[in-house]
């Protein structure tokens, strides 16, 4: 006597279409999803205190401490004049036109030296960074020259160019060239080789690779080098205007040193600082405009 086994009945598949079968028991409306809350990155959250106010807090506190030490007599006026005296002297220099005239002369020297230094430093970096033969011919000489303090070349510049404007501009040009060379060269050699291969596979010519791949990749380094160069340009200007100058902010400082006018010296130093800060602000604004394609970390 044989026993036959019936095949198991198929289990109905669950209905995933959202439609209830006929005769099924409905459990009520589906629960509503929770409200979505937009997440804001911590770096983009606005604080209650404006950023410009936070950035000015440090200088204002330093100025208040300076005034307090001068008012209490802890800081003698012969050593360092009070902020009120500095402001009054600055007003007098602006009123008689000596400060504005000196600023225009100094700005002109820095502008010419910065332009020449940018052309020289960037040109040498392009030759050395784009071509191996250019690196062999240029890089070793530049690396040797940049280790020589440019201030030590002032006597040679006086012998070669005299005591006019040429040695002053030459010192600024020399100080500006090396930071730009190093940063532009490093930016060119830091471009990813896979981007070069991708450009070649897309049919870009040599000039197309330089224009669309290499130069945009080197631009962040060039902007960093320009900021360094601006700082060195103002430092070189201080030394350059000590070479028998008859105008400029350095000339005012030399006169103030001869007459022991520490207040005028401080005014000139503050002018140097504000001009350098203004130049750095211009470069940072230019950097934000040219590098919009490059998202970076901006702090928390």
Foldseek 3Di string as FASTA:
>chain_A
DDDDDDDDDDDDDDDPPPDDDPPDDDPDDDDDDDDDDDDDDPVPDDDPDDPVVVVCPVVVVVLVVQQVCPVVVVDDCLRPNRPVLLVVVVVVCVVVPQQVQQVVVLVVLLVLLLVLLLCQQLVLLCQLQVDVVSVVVRVVVLVVVVVDPLLVCLVVLCVVPNLDSVSLSVSLSVLLRNLLNVLLNCQQVPFDVVVVVVCVVVPADPVRCVVPGRCLSSVVSNLVSSLVSLVSSLVSNLSSCVRPHPGHLNNQLVVCVVVSNNSSNVSSVVVSVVVSVVVNVVSVVVCCVSVVVPDDDDDD
